[in-house]
Each structure stands twice: as C-alpha cells, then as structure tokens.
Amino acid sequence: MDPDSPAEKSGLIKDDIINKIGDREVSTVDDVREALAGDKSELRVDVSRAGKKVEIIVKISKPLNRGRF
C-alpha cells in the first residue's frame, strides 16, 4: 500500500483481500485494473479482513496511478 494513496487514506490495510470493486467481483490483478478503468471519484471496495467482510469507500481526488494502489 502506497503511503498517502486513496486506498490507504480510505482505510485499506496490508493483508486485506479485495473481493469486489463496485459491482465487479475481482480475483486477479487484471480484474482490479479493469475495475479501476475510467474516471471515478469514489469506489466501493469489499474486502475480507481477518475473516470478516468489510466495505470501504475509496475517494479519489486525483487520477489513479494504475500500476500501484
């Protein structure tokens, strides 16, 4: 997780398992890249954290660096 990234600022942490971005289920890095495509100001990210489901809203204030999140 990049320090000061939208994901970190929104509460995503190391070892979170991303299951869904928006309405799209993701299981690979390519799935994540496709889900992040396009201009968005906010993303709903569903993760598994320590065996529990957590929903996080990621607010995006600048263009995403698509290679790192």
N, C-alpha and C. Protein backbone atom coordinates (compact mmCIF):
# COMPACT_ATOMS: atom_id res chain seq x y z
N MET A 1 0.85 -1.17 0.00
CA MET A 1 0.00 0.00 0.00
C MET A 1 0.89 1.23 0.00
N ASP A 2 0.69 2.08 -0.97
CA ASP A 2 1.45 3.33 -1.02
C ASP A 2 0.99 4.29 0.07
N PRO A 3 1.94 4.86 0.82
CA PRO A 3 1.55 5.88 1.80
C PRO A 3 0.83 7.04 1.11
N ASP A 4 -0.18 7.57 1.74
CA ASP A 4 -0.97 8.69 1.23
C ASP A 4 -1.77 8.38 -0.03
N SER A 5 -1.87 7.11 -0.42
CA SER A 5 -2.70 6.75 -1.57
C SER A 5 -4.17 6.83 -1.18
N PRO A 6 -5.07 6.96 -2.16
CA PRO A 6 -6.50 6.96 -1.82
C PRO A 6 -6.91 5.70 -1.06
N ALA A 7 -6.33 4.56 -1.42
CA ALA A 7 -6.68 3.31 -0.74
C ALA A 7 -6.28 3.36 0.73
N GLU A 8 -5.06 3.80 1.01
CA GLU A 8 -4.61 3.88 2.39
C GLU A 8 -5.42 4.90 3.18
N LYS A 9 -5.67 6.05 2.59
CA LYS A 9 -6.45 7.09 3.28
C LYS A 9 -7.86 6.63 3.59
N SER A 10 -8.40 5.71 2.79
CA SER A 10 -9.76 5.22 2.99
C SER A 10 -9.85 4.08 3.99
N GLY A 11 -8.70 3.54 4.38
CA GLY A 11 -8.73 2.51 5.40
C GLY A 11 -8.33 1.12 4.95
N LEU A 12 -7.98 0.93 3.68
CA LEU A 12 -7.47 -0.37 3.28
C LEU A 12 -6.14 -0.60 3.97
N ILE A 13 -5.92 -1.83 4.41
CA ILE A 13 -4.67 -2.13 5.12
C ILE A 13 -4.03 -3.38 4.52
N LYS A 14 -2.75 -3.55 4.86
CA LYS A 14 -2.00 -4.71 4.42
C LYS A 14 -2.75 -5.97 4.82
N ASP A 15 -2.77 -6.94 3.95
CA ASP A 15 -3.43 -8.23 4.15
C ASP A 15 -4.94 -8.21 3.93
N ASP A 16 -5.55 -7.05 3.61
CA ASP A 16 -6.94 -7.05 3.17
C ASP A 16 -7.01 -7.82 1.86
N ILE A 17 -8.03 -8.61 1.68
CA ILE A 17 -8.24 -9.34 0.43
C ILE A 17 -9.40 -8.67 -0.30
N ILE A 18 -9.10 -8.08 -1.45
CA ILE A 18 -10.13 -7.37 -2.22
C ILE A 18 -10.97 -8.40 -2.97
N ASN A 19 -12.27 -8.39 -2.70
CA ASN A 19 -13.20 -9.32 -3.33
C ASN A 19 -14.01 -8.67 -4.44
N LYS A 20 -14.30 -7.38 -4.27
CA LYS A 20 -15.21 -6.70 -5.18
C LYS A 20 -14.85 -5.22 -5.24
N ILE A 21 -14.91 -4.65 -6.44
CA ILE A 21 -14.76 -3.22 -6.63
C ILE A 21 -16.00 -2.76 -7.36
N GLY A 22 -16.79 -1.92 -6.72
CA GLY A 22 -18.09 -1.57 -7.28
C GLY A 22 -18.95 -2.82 -7.31
N ASP A 23 -19.54 -3.11 -8.46
CA ASP A 23 -20.36 -4.32 -8.62
C ASP A 23 -19.59 -5.47 -9.24
N ARG A 24 -18.29 -5.27 -9.44
CA ARG A 24 -17.49 -6.26 -10.15
C ARG A 24 -16.66 -7.10 -9.18
N GLU A 25 -16.84 -8.42 -9.23
CA GLU A 25 -16.00 -9.31 -8.43
C GLU A 25 -14.62 -9.36 -9.04
N VAL A 26 -13.60 -9.35 -8.19
CA VAL A 26 -12.22 -9.38 -8.67
C VAL A 26 -11.47 -10.51 -7.98
N SER A 27 -10.58 -11.16 -8.75
CA SER A 27 -9.76 -12.22 -8.15
C SER A 27 -8.32 -12.18 -8.67
N THR A 28 -8.06 -11.32 -9.65
CA THR A 28 -6.71 -11.20 -10.19
C THR A 28 -6.34 -9.72 -10.29
N VAL A 29 -5.06 -9.46 -10.46
CA VAL A 29 -4.61 -8.09 -10.64
C VAL A 29 -5.24 -7.49 -11.90
N ASP A 30 -5.36 -8.28 -12.96
CA ASP A 30 -6.01 -7.78 -14.18
C ASP A 30 -7.46 -7.40 -13.93
N ASP A 31 -8.18 -8.19 -13.11
CA ASP A 31 -9.56 -7.84 -12.75
C ASP A 31 -9.60 -6.48 -12.05
N VAL A 32 -8.66 -6.26 -11.14
CA VAL A 32 -8.61 -5.00 -10.40
C VAL A 32 -8.34 -3.85 -11.36
N ARG A 33 -7.38 -4.02 -12.26
CA ARG A 33 -7.08 -2.96 -13.22
C ARG A 33 -8.30 -2.61 -14.07
N GLU A 34 -9.02 -3.62 -14.52
CA GLU A 34 -10.22 -3.37 -15.33
C GLU A 34 -11.29 -2.65 -14.52
N ALA A 35 -11.44 -3.04 -13.25
CA ALA A 35 -12.45 -2.40 -12.39
C ALA A 35 -12.10 -0.95 -12.10
N LEU A 36 -10.81 -0.61 -12.14
CA LEU A 36 -10.37 0.76 -11.87
C LEU A 36 -10.38 1.63 -13.12
N ALA A 37 -10.61 1.03 -14.28
CA ALA A 37 -10.58 1.79 -15.53
C ALA A 37 -11.69 2.85 -15.54
N GLY A 38 -11.38 3.97 -16.17
CA GLY A 38 -12.35 5.05 -16.28
C GLY A 38 -12.19 6.05 -15.16
N ASP A 39 -12.85 7.16 -15.33
CA ASP A 39 -12.78 8.22 -14.32
C ASP A 39 -13.84 7.99 -13.26
N LYS A 40 -13.39 7.93 -12.03
CA LYS A 40 -14.29 7.73 -10.90
C LYS A 40 -13.86 8.65 -9.78
N SER A 41 -14.80 9.15 -9.03
CA SER A 41 -14.45 9.97 -7.87
C SER A 41 -14.56 9.17 -6.57
N GLU A 42 -15.19 7.99 -6.68
CA GLU A 42 -15.41 7.18 -5.50
C GLU A 42 -15.59 5.72 -5.92
N LEU A 43 -15.05 4.80 -5.14
CA LEU A 43 -15.20 3.37 -5.40
C LEU A 43 -15.62 2.66 -4.12
N ARG A 44 -16.56 1.74 -4.25
CA ARG A 44 -16.89 0.86 -3.12
C ARG A 44 -16.02 -0.38 -3.26
N VAL A 45 -15.28 -0.71 -2.22
CA VAL A 45 -14.39 -1.86 -2.25
C VAL A 45 -14.80 -2.80 -1.12
N ASP A 46 -15.14 -4.04 -1.48
CA ASP A 46 -15.49 -5.05 -0.49
C ASP A 46 -14.26 -5.92 -0.25
N VAL A 47 -13.86 -6.04 1.00
CA VAL A 47 -12.67 -6.82 1.34
C VAL A 47 -12.98 -7.83 2.44
N SER A 48 -12.11 -8.83 2.52
CA SER A 48 -12.10 -9.74 3.66
C SER A 48 -10.94 -9.32 4.54
N ARG A 49 -11.23 -9.12 5.81
CA ARG A 49 -10.20 -8.69 6.78
C ARG A 49 -10.34 -9.56 8.02
N ALA A 50 -9.32 -10.36 8.26
CA ALA A 50 -9.32 -11.25 9.43
C ALA A 50 -10.60 -12.08 9.49
N GLY A 51 -11.03 -12.59 8.33
CA GLY A 51 -12.21 -13.45 8.27
C GLY A 51 -13.54 -12.74 8.26
N LYS A 52 -13.54 -11.42 8.28
CA LYS A 52 -14.79 -10.66 8.27
C LYS A 52 -14.90 -9.85 6.99
N LYS A 53 -16.14 -9.64 6.53
CA LYS A 53 -16.37 -8.80 5.36
C LYS A 53 -16.42 -7.34 5.79
N VAL A 54 -15.71 -6.49 5.04
CA VAL A 54 -15.67 -5.05 5.32
C VAL A 54 -15.90 -4.30 4.02
N GLU A 55 -16.75 -3.28 4.06
CA GLU A 55 -16.97 -2.42 2.90
C GLU A 55 -16.26 -1.09 3.15
N ILE A 56 -15.47 -0.67 2.18
CA ILE A 56 -14.70 0.57 2.28
C ILE A 56 -15.03 1.45 1.09
N ILE A 57 -15.22 2.72 1.33
CA ILE A 57 -15.42 3.68 0.25
C ILE A 57 -14.10 4.41 0.01
N VAL A 58 -13.56 4.27 -1.19
CA VAL A 58 -12.30 4.92 -1.55
C VAL A 58 -12.64 6.16 -2.35
N LYS A 59 -12.25 7.32 -1.84
CA LYS A 59 -12.48 8.59 -2.53
C LYS A 59 -11.22 8.93 -3.32
N ILE A 60 -11.42 9.27 -4.59
CA ILE A 60 -10.31 9.54 -5.48
C ILE A 60 -10.34 11.00 -5.87
N SER A 61 -9.31 11.73 -5.46
CA SER A 61 -9.28 13.17 -5.73
C SER A 61 -8.35 13.53 -6.88
N LYS A 62 -7.56 12.57 -7.36
CA LYS A 62 -6.66 12.83 -8.48
C LYS A 62 -6.60 11.56 -9.32
N PRO A 63 -6.10 11.64 -10.54
CA PRO A 63 -6.02 10.43 -11.38
C PRO A 63 -5.23 9.33 -10.68
N LEU A 64 -5.71 8.09 -10.84
CA LEU A 64 -5.06 6.96 -10.22
C LEU A 64 -3.78 6.59 -10.93
N ASN A 65 -2.77 6.21 -10.15
CA ASN A 65 -1.57 5.59 -10.70
C ASN A 65 -1.94 4.12 -10.84
N ARG A 66 -2.31 3.68 -12.02
CA ARG A 66 -2.91 2.37 -12.23
C ARG A 66 -1.99 1.19 -11.93
N GLY A 67 -0.69 1.43 -11.83
CA GLY A 67 0.22 0.32 -11.54
C GLY A 67 0.34 0.01 -10.07
N ARG A 68 -0.02 0.96 -9.21
CA ARG A 68 0.15 0.78 -7.77
C ARG A 68 -1.09 1.29 -7.05
N PHE A 69 -1.50 0.59 -6.01
CA PHE A 69 -2.65 1.04 -5.23
C PHE A 69 -2.53 0.58 -3.86
